[in-house]
Amino acid sequence: MATFVLVHGAWHGSWCWKRVRRLLQSQGHEVFTPTLTGVADRSHLLSPAVTLETHILDVINLIRWEELSDVVLCGHSYGGAVVTGVTDRLPDRVRSLVYLDAFIPDSGTSVATKVRNPVIDGWKVQPISAERFNVNVEDRAWVDRQCTAQSIDCWLQPLHLERGLSEFRNVTYVLATAWGGESQPFRSQYGKAQALGWTTLEIACGHDVMLDQPRDLTQILLDASAPREA
């Protein structure tokens, strides 16, 4: 049995992992899908004080208080910044790391440097439409209803790493290829992952892979949980 912690991207919540969570649990695995502070079922906690650091601590504290170890940690989209910070601080708790069409920020940089044309409403960033992310047609209206605004400081706060990305081991990067065309913003992150020598995979679907291809993603996560040669 493996232990998975799946971290959603911007504007989403635990709800987006339902299909993958059920598939993993049906095989006997332990699965945690925390909702980050200020969105979805925790949207009542939204305030200008919510930052990237808040979200990193959300996941760190889950791992510590649930006494988790040997974790397969997956971050989707903005969640890539979150899991990077978590792994840097709890390297002994993480078996493997999966970036799912996600940002890989360097130390001292913020997600804002990689986001194009965000819809800013004061101190909030409004959700991008499911259509723009090429979510499957059947799920689009549901996804748009579920997504909620997020504090802008989640994007603006720089990430600070003690160890740096080159210290990470057992890392997989998954690129979703059926959205955004040549301007798909995570293509550069995919190239970065290749340059770092990580395992890199492509999957032909929209940005919300967990909704479009839950079975394929489940297998990718299971593969990431397998012991790897040193």
C-alpha atoms as a PDB file:
ATOM      1  CA  MET A   1       0.000   0.000   0.000  1.00  0.00           C
ATOM      2  CA  ALA A   2       1.251   3.463  -0.927  1.00  0.00           C
ATOM      3  CA  THR A   3       0.377   6.862   0.528  1.00  0.00           C
ATOM      4  CA  PHE A   4      -0.604   9.642  -1.868  1.00  0.00           C
ATOM      5  CA  VAL A   5      -1.009  13.349  -1.157  1.00  0.00           C
ATOM      6  CA  LEU A   6      -2.587  15.082  -4.155  1.00  0.00           C
ATOM      7  CA  VAL A   7      -2.465  18.886  -4.218  1.00  0.00           C
ATOM      8  CA  HIS A   8      -4.859  20.758  -6.493  1.00  0.00           C
ATOM      9  CA  GLY A   9      -4.091  23.824  -8.573  1.00  0.00           C
ATOM     10  CA  ALA A  10      -5.376  27.380  -8.403  1.00  0.00           C
ATOM     11  CA  TRP A  11      -9.114  27.952  -7.839  1.00  0.00           C
ATOM     12  CA  HIS A  12      -9.789  24.216  -7.435  1.00  0.00           C
ATOM     13  CA  GLY A  13     -10.152  22.061  -4.315  1.00  0.00           C
ATOM     14  CA  SER A  14     -10.245  18.493  -3.066  1.00  0.00           C
ATOM     15  CA  TRP A  15     -13.304  17.938  -5.288  1.00  0.00           C
ATOM     16  CA  CYS A  16     -11.233  17.767  -8.482  1.00  0.00           C
ATOM     17  CA  TRP A  17      -9.448  14.612  -7.279  1.00  0.00           C
ATOM     18  CA  LYS A  18     -12.637  12.566  -6.654  1.00  0.00           C
ATOM     19  CA  ARG A  19     -12.160  10.183  -9.566  1.00  0.00           C
ATOM     20  CA  VAL A  20      -8.459   9.534  -9.031  1.00  0.00           C
ATOM     21  CA  ARG A  21      -8.927   9.288  -5.266  1.00  0.00           C
ATOM     22  CA  ARG A  22     -11.586   6.608  -5.638  1.00  0.00           C
ATOM     23  CA  LEU A  23      -9.496   4.638  -8.127  1.00  0.00           C
ATOM     24  CA  LEU A  24      -6.476   4.628  -5.816  1.00  0.00           C
ATOM     25  CA  GLN A  25      -8.530   3.820  -2.732  1.00  0.00           C
ATOM     26  CA  SER A  26     -10.220   0.923  -4.539  1.00  0.00           C
ATOM     27  CA  GLN A  27      -6.765  -0.653  -4.787  1.00  0.00           C
ATOM     28  CA  GLY A  28      -6.120  -0.243  -1.073  1.00  0.00           C
ATOM     29  CA  HIS A  29      -3.956   2.872  -1.127  1.00  0.00           C
ATOM     30  CA  GLU A  30      -4.130   5.729   1.366  1.00  0.00           C
ATOM     31  CA  VAL A  31      -5.062   9.004  -0.349  1.00  0.00           C
ATOM     32  CA  PHE A  32      -5.180  12.559   0.994  1.00  0.00           C
ATOM     33  CA  THR A  33      -6.533  15.419  -1.138  1.00  0.00           C
ATOM     34  CA  PRO A  34      -6.354  18.558   1.009  1.00  0.00           C
ATOM     35  CA  THR A  35      -8.220  21.688  -0.001  1.00  0.00           C
ATOM     36  CA  LEU A  36      -5.854  24.639   0.349  1.00  0.00           C
ATOM     37  CA  THR A  37      -6.874  27.577   2.532  1.00  0.00           C
ATOM     38  CA  GLY A  38      -9.284  30.033   0.932  1.00  0.00           C
ATOM     39  CA  VAL A  39     -10.754  28.024  -1.945  1.00  0.00           C
ATOM     40  CA  ALA A  40     -13.645  25.603  -2.502  1.00  0.00           C
ATOM     41  CA  ASP A  41     -14.878  24.095   0.788  1.00  0.00           C
ATOM     42  CA  ARG A  42     -12.434  26.401   2.584  1.00  0.00           C
ATOM     43  CA  SER A  43     -13.444  29.527   0.635  1.00  0.00           C
ATOM     44  CA  HIS A  44     -14.867  31.015   3.843  1.00  0.00           C
ATOM     45  CA  LEU A  45     -11.218  31.492   4.897  1.00  0.00           C
ATOM     46  CA  LEU A  46     -10.285  33.562   1.839  1.00  0.00           C
ATOM     47  CA  SER A  47      -8.489  36.796   2.755  1.00  0.00           C
ATOM     48  CA  PRO A  48      -5.585  38.938   1.497  1.00  0.00           C
ATOM     49  CA  ALA A  49      -3.414  37.215   4.124  1.00  0.00           C
ATOM     50  CA  VAL A  50      -3.515  33.858   2.269  1.00  0.00           C
ATOM     51  CA  THR A  51      -0.196  33.334   0.484  1.00  0.00           C
ATOM     52  CA  LEU A  52       1.901  30.592  -1.100  1.00  0.00           C
ATOM     53  CA  GLU A  53       3.431  30.046   2.345  1.00  0.00           C
ATOM     54  CA  THR A  54      -0.055  29.426   3.780  1.00  0.00           C
ATOM     55  CA  HIS A  55      -0.595  26.659   1.245  1.00  0.00           C
ATOM     56  CA  ILE A  56       2.819  25.096   1.789  1.00  0.00           C
ATOM     57  CA  LEU A  57       2.029  24.944   5.510  1.00  0.00           C
ATOM     58  CA  ASP A  58      -1.403  23.432   4.775  1.00  0.00           C
ATOM     59  CA  VAL A  59       0.313  20.419   3.235  1.00  0.00           C
ATOM     60  CA  ILE A  60       3.265  20.256   5.635  1.00  0.00           C
ATOM     61  CA  ASN A  61       0.900  20.210   8.603  1.00  0.00           C
ATOM     62  CA  LEU A  62      -1.269  17.520   7.014  1.00  0.00           C
ATOM     63  CA  ILE A  63       1.798  15.317   6.568  1.00  0.00           C
ATOM     64  CA  ARG A  64       3.029  15.975  10.110  1.00  0.00           C
ATOM     65  CA  TRP A  65      -0.252  15.579  11.984  1.00  0.00           C
ATOM     66  CA  GLU A  66      -1.363  12.551   9.982  1.00  0.00           C
ATOM     67  CA  GLU A  67       2.137  11.164  10.641  1.00  0.00           C
ATOM     68  CA  LEU A  68       2.701  10.358   6.986  1.00  0.00           C
ATOM     69  CA  SER A  69       5.941   9.080   5.511  1.00  0.00           C
ATOM     70  CA  ASP A  70       7.109   7.625   2.212  1.00  0.00           C
ATOM     71  CA  VAL A  71       4.589   9.890   0.484  1.00  0.00           C
ATOM     72  CA  VAL A  72       3.921  10.147  -3.233  1.00  0.00           C
ATOM     73  CA  LEU A  73       3.340  13.900  -3.490  1.00  0.00           C
ATOM     74  CA  CYS A  74       1.600  15.285  -6.585  1.00  0.00           C
ATOM     75  CA  GLY A  75       1.015  18.938  -7.441  1.00  0.00           C
ATOM     76  CA  HIS A  76      -1.218  20.156 -10.267  1.00  0.00           C
ATOM     77  CA  SER A  77      -0.604  23.510 -11.962  1.00  0.00           C
ATOM     78  CA  TYR A  78      -0.109  26.160  -9.208  1.00  0.00           C
ATOM     79  CA  GLY A  79       0.178  23.198  -6.835  1.00  0.00           C
ATOM     80  CA  GLY A  80       3.616  22.566  -8.312  1.00  0.00           C
ATOM     81  CA  ALA A  81       4.903  25.568  -6.348  1.00  0.00           C
ATOM     82  CA  VAL A  82       3.281  24.189  -3.199  1.00  0.00           C
ATOM     83  CA  VAL A  83       4.759  20.689  -3.457  1.00  0.00           C
ATOM     84  CA  THR A  84       8.173  22.135  -4.302  1.00  0.00           C
ATOM     85  CA  GLY A  85       8.154  24.032  -1.017  1.00  0.00           C
ATOM     86  CA  VAL A  86       6.846  21.028   0.911  1.00  0.00           C
ATOM     87  CA  THR A  87       9.472  18.644  -0.469  1.00  0.00           C
ATOM     88  CA  ASP A  88      12.270  21.129   0.244  1.00  0.00           C
ATOM     89  CA  ARG A  89      11.286  21.178   3.930  1.00  0.00           C
ATOM     90  CA  LEU A  90      10.233  17.552   4.402  1.00  0.00           C
ATOM     91  CA  PRO A  91      12.549  15.630   2.065  1.00  0.00           C
ATOM     92  CA  ASP A  92      12.628  12.579   4.338  1.00  0.00           C
ATOM     93  CA  ARG A  93       8.843  12.217   4.166  1.00  0.00           C
ATOM     94  CA  VAL A  94       8.553  12.199   0.351  1.00  0.00           C
ATOM     95  CA  ARG A  95       9.137   9.001  -1.626  1.00  0.00           C
ATOM     96  CA  SER A  96       8.497  10.565  -5.019  1.00  0.00           C
ATOM     97  CA  LEU A  97       7.248  13.793  -6.495  1.00  0.00           C
ATOM     98  CA  VAL A  98       4.877  14.255  -9.445  1.00  0.00           C
ATOM     99  CA  TYR A  99       4.372  17.564 -11.238  1.00  0.00           C
ATOM    100  CA  LEU A 100       1.088  17.456 -13.151  1.00  0.00           C
ATOM    101  CA  ASP A 101       1.113  20.141 -15.857  1.00  0.00           C
ATOM    102  CA  ALA A 102       2.603  22.294 -13.139  1.00  0.00           C
ATOM    103  CA  PHE A 103       4.908  25.171 -12.306  1.00  0.00           C
ATOM    104  CA  ILE A 104       8.447  24.415 -11.124  1.00  0.00           C
ATOM    105  CA  PRO A 105       9.542  27.724  -9.593  1.00  0.00           C
ATOM    106  CA  ASP A 106      13.176  28.314  -8.747  1.00  0.00           C
ATOM    107  CA  SER A 107      14.139  29.642  -5.350  1.00  0.00           C
ATOM    108  CA  GLY A 108      13.496  33.376  -5.139  1.00  0.00           C
ATOM    109  CA  THR A 109      10.910  33.418  -7.930  1.00  0.00           C
ATOM    110  CA  SER A 110       7.128  33.530  -7.832  1.00  0.00           C
ATOM    111  CA  VAL A 111       4.401  31.912  -9.892  1.00  0.00           C
ATOM    112  CA  ALA A 112       3.406  35.404 -11.100  1.00  0.00           C
ATOM    113  CA  THR A 113       6.473  35.485 -13.350  1.00  0.00           C
ATOM    114  CA  LYS A 114       4.965  32.601 -15.360  1.00  0.00           C
ATOM    115  CA  VAL A 115       1.240  33.481 -15.412  1.00  0.00           C
ATOM    116  CA  ARG A 116      -0.186  35.201 -18.482  1.00  0.00           C
ATOM    117  CA  ASN A 117      -3.014  37.736 -18.296  1.00  0.00           C
ATOM    118  CA  PRO A 118      -4.567  36.814 -14.939  1.00  0.00           C
ATOM    119  CA  VAL A 119      -8.008  38.299 -14.201  1.00  0.00           C
ATOM    120  CA  ILE A 120      -7.300  40.431 -11.125  1.00  0.00           C
ATOM    121  CA  ASP A 121     -10.078  41.812  -8.920  1.00  0.00           C
ATOM    122  CA  GLY A 122      -8.416  43.862  -6.209  1.00  0.00           C
ATOM    123  CA  TRP A 123      -6.535  41.362  -4.054  1.00  0.00           C
ATOM    124  CA  LYS A 124      -8.192  38.356  -5.716  1.00  0.00           C
ATOM    125  CA  VAL A 125      -7.449  36.417  -8.884  1.00  0.00           C
ATOM    126  CA  GLN A 126     -10.567  35.103 -10.614  1.00  0.00           C
ATOM    127  CA  PRO A 127     -10.711  31.564 -12.061  1.00  0.00           C
ATOM    128  CA  ILE A 128      -9.797  30.830 -15.657  1.00  0.00           C
ATOM    129  CA  SER A 129     -12.674  29.180 -17.509  1.00  0.00           C
ATOM    130  CA  ALA A 130     -12.820  25.423 -17.959  1.00  0.00           C
ATOM    131  CA  GLU A 131     -13.175  25.989 -21.703  1.00  0.00           C
ATOM    132  CA  ARG A 132      -9.832  27.798 -21.858  1.00  0.00           C
ATOM    133  CA  PHE A 133      -8.231  24.835 -20.097  1.00  0.00           C
ATOM    134  CA  ASN A 134      -9.984  22.504 -22.574  1.00  0.00           C
ATOM    135  CA  VAL A 135     -11.681  20.530 -19.846  1.00  0.00           C
ATOM    136  CA  ASN A 136     -13.886  17.846 -21.406  1.00  0.00           C
ATOM    137  CA  VAL A 137     -17.214  19.309 -22.514  1.00  0.00           C
ATOM    138  CA  GLU A 138     -19.339  17.274 -20.081  1.00  0.00           C
ATOM    139  CA  ASP A 139     -17.484  18.668 -17.059  1.00  0.00           C
ATOM    140  CA  ARG A 140     -17.065  22.316 -18.052  1.00  0.00           C
ATOM    141  CA  ALA A 141     -20.162  23.828 -16.439  1.00  0.00           C
ATOM    142  CA  TRP A 142     -19.532  21.846 -13.244  1.00  0.00           C
ATOM    143  CA  VAL A 143     -15.878  22.934 -13.059  1.00  0.00           C
ATOM    144  CA  ASP A 144     -16.808  26.590 -13.583  1.00  0.00           C
ATOM    145  CA  ARG A 145     -19.331  26.332 -10.723  1.00  0.00           C
ATOM    146  CA  GLN A 146     -16.818  24.670  -8.415  1.00  0.00           C
ATOM    147  CA  CYS A 147     -13.858  26.993  -8.938  1.00  0.00           C
ATOM    148  CA  THR A 148     -13.460  30.008  -6.641  1.00  0.00           C
ATOM    149  CA  ALA A 149     -11.276  33.117  -6.476  1.00  0.00           C
ATOM    150  CA  GLN A 150      -7.857  33.005  -4.845  1.00  0.00           C
ATOM    151  CA  SER A 151      -5.649  35.548  -3.083  1.00  0.00           C
ATOM    152  CA  ILE A 152      -3.182  37.273  -5.397  1.00  0.00           C
ATOM    153  CA  ASP A 153      -0.326  36.802  -2.926  1.00  0.00           C
ATOM    154  CA  CYS A 154      -0.361  33.088  -3.734  1.00  0.00           C
ATOM    155  CA  TRP A 155       1.131  34.182  -7.060  1.00  0.00           C
ATOM    156  CA  LEU A 156       3.223  37.130  -5.912  1.00  0.00           C
ATOM    157  CA  GLN A 157       5.073  35.608  -2.955  1.00  0.00           C
ATOM    158  CA  PRO A 158       8.496  34.222  -3.959  1.00  0.00           C
ATOM    159  CA  LEU A 159       9.349  30.630  -3.106  1.00  0.00           C
ATOM    160  CA  HIS A 160      12.467  30.118  -0.981  1.00  0.00           C
ATOM    161  CA  LEU A 161      14.272  26.782  -1.094  1.00  0.00           C
ATOM    162  CA  GLU A 162      17.055  25.518   1.161  1.00  0.00           C
ATOM    163  CA  ARG A 163      18.129  22.599  -1.038  1.00  0.00           C
ATOM    164  CA  GLY A 164      17.203  23.564  -4.580  1.00  0.00           C
ATOM    165  CA  LEU A 165      15.574  21.567  -7.355  1.00  0.00           C
ATOM    166  CA  SER A 166      18.730  19.681  -8.287  1.00  0.00           C
ATOM    167  CA  GLU A 167      18.553  17.881  -4.931  1.00  0.00           C
ATOM    168  CA  PHE A 168      15.158  16.309  -5.712  1.00  0.00           C
ATOM    169  CA  ARG A 169      15.104  12.614  -6.632  1.00  0.00           C
ATOM    170  CA  ASN A 170      12.402  10.335  -8.033  1.00  0.00           C
ATOM    171  CA  VAL A 171      10.540  13.100  -9.846  1.00  0.00           C
ATOM    172  CA  THR A 172       8.041  12.740 -12.704  1.00  0.00           C
ATOM    173  CA  TYR A 173       6.747  15.599 -14.854  1.00  0.00           C
ATOM    174  CA  VAL A 174       3.501  15.126 -16.818  1.00  0.00           C
ATOM    175  CA  LEU A 175       2.648  17.538 -19.651  1.00  0.00           C
ATOM    176  CA  ALA A 176      -0.958  17.813 -20.874  1.00  0.00           C
ATOM    177  CA  THR A 177      -0.681  18.403 -24.623  1.00  0.00           C
ATOM    178  CA  ALA A 178      -4.279  18.999 -25.771  1.00  0.00           C
ATOM    179  CA  TRP A 179      -4.720  22.606 -24.708  1.00  0.00           C
ATOM    180  CA  GLY A 180      -3.042  25.943 -25.292  1.00  0.00           C
ATOM    181  CA  GLY A 181      -1.332  24.941 -28.549  1.00  0.00           C
ATOM    182  CA  GLU A 182       2.286  25.971 -28.924  1.00  0.00           C
ATOM    183  CA  SER A 183       1.767  28.651 -26.264  1.00  0.00           C
ATOM    184  CA  GLN A 184       0.812  26.061 -23.627  1.00  0.00           C
ATOM    185  CA  PRO A 185       2.519  27.674 -20.608  1.00  0.00           C
ATOM    186  CA  PHE A 186       3.863  24.447 -19.134  1.00  0.00           C
ATOM    187  CA  ARG A 187       5.915  23.404 -22.169  1.00  0.00           C
ATOM    188  CA  SER A 188       8.838  25.404 -20.802  1.00  0.00           C
ATOM    189  CA  GLN A 189       8.439  23.668 -17.445  1.00  0.00           C
ATOM    190  CA  TYR A 190       8.464  20.311 -19.223  1.00  0.00           C
ATOM    191  CA  GLY A 191      11.767  21.270 -20.876  1.00  0.00           C
ATOM    192  CA  LYS A 192      13.129  22.296 -17.496  1.00  0.00           C
ATOM    193  CA  ALA A 193      12.183  18.895 -16.071  1.00  0.00           C
ATOM    194  CA  GLN A 194      13.980  17.174 -18.945  1.00  0.00           C
ATOM    195  CA  ALA A 195      17.086  19.278 -18.330  1.00  0.00           C
ATOM    196  CA  LEU A 196      17.023  18.234 -14.670  1.00  0.00           C
ATOM    197  CA  GLY A 197      16.965  14.572 -15.709  1.00  0.00           C
ATOM    198  CA  TRP A 198      13.521  13.843 -14.314  1.00  0.00           C
ATOM    199  CA  THR A 199      11.119  11.294 -15.801  1.00  0.00           C
ATOM    200  CA  THR A 200       8.940  13.151 -18.333  1.00  0.00           C
ATOM    201  CA  LEU A 201       5.626  12.027 -19.816  1.00  0.00           C
ATOM    202  CA  GLU A 202       3.012  13.498 -22.137  1.00  0.00           C
ATOM    203  CA  ILE A 203      -0.740  12.912 -21.989  1.00  0.00           C
ATOM    204  CA  ALA A 204      -3.164  14.051 -24.707  1.00  0.00           C
ATOM    205  CA  CYS A 205      -5.881  15.898 -22.774  1.00  0.00           C
ATOM    206  CA  GLY A 206      -6.783  19.272 -21.307  1.00  0.00           C
ATOM    207  CA  HIS A 207      -5.130  20.890 -18.315  1.00  0.00           C
ATOM    208  CA  ASP A 208      -7.335  19.173 -15.700  1.00  0.00           C
ATOM    209  CA  VAL A 209      -5.861  15.737 -16.290  1.00  0.00           C
ATOM    210  CA  MET A 210      -7.515  14.289 -13.189  1.00  0.00           C
ATOM    211  CA  LEU A 211     -10.915  14.969 -14.761  1.00  0.00           C
ATOM    212  CA  ASP A 212     -10.162  14.177 -18.402  1.00  0.00           C
ATOM    213  CA  GLN A 213      -7.978  11.079 -17.954  1.00  0.00           C
ATOM    214  CA  PRO A 214      -8.378   9.803 -14.372  1.00  0.00           C
ATOM    215  CA  ARG A 215      -7.442   6.192 -15.162  1.00  0.00           C
ATOM    216  CA  ASP A 216      -4.296   7.137 -17.050  1.00  0.00           C
ATOM    217  CA  LEU A 217      -3.284   9.517 -14.276  1.00  0.00           C
ATOM    218  CA  THR A 218      -3.928   6.862 -11.644  1.00  0.00           C
ATOM    219  CA  GLN A 219      -1.510   4.549 -13.427  1.00  0.00           C
ATOM    220  CA  ILE A 220       1.102   7.312 -13.650  1.00  0.00           C
ATOM    221  CA  LEU A 221       0.806   7.856  -9.902  1.00  0.00           C
ATOM    222  CA  LEU A 222       1.088   4.135  -9.218  1.00  0.00           C
ATOM    223  CA  ASP A 223       4.192   3.954 -11.395  1.00  0.00           C
ATOM    224  CA  ALA A 224       5.659   6.875  -9.443  1.00  0.00           C
ATOM    225  CA  SER A 225       5.054   4.982  -6.194  1.00  0.00           C
ATOM    226  CA  ALA A 226       7.209   2.040  -7.274  1.00  0.00           C
ATOM    227  CA  PRO A 227      10.733   1.865  -5.833  1.00  0.00           C
ATOM    228  CA  ARG A 228      13.358   3.169  -8.221  1.00  0.00           C
ATOM    229  CA  GLU A 229      16.958   2.278  -8.647  1.00  0.00           C
ATOM    230  CA  ALA A 230      19.423   4.659  -7.031  1.00  0.00           C
END
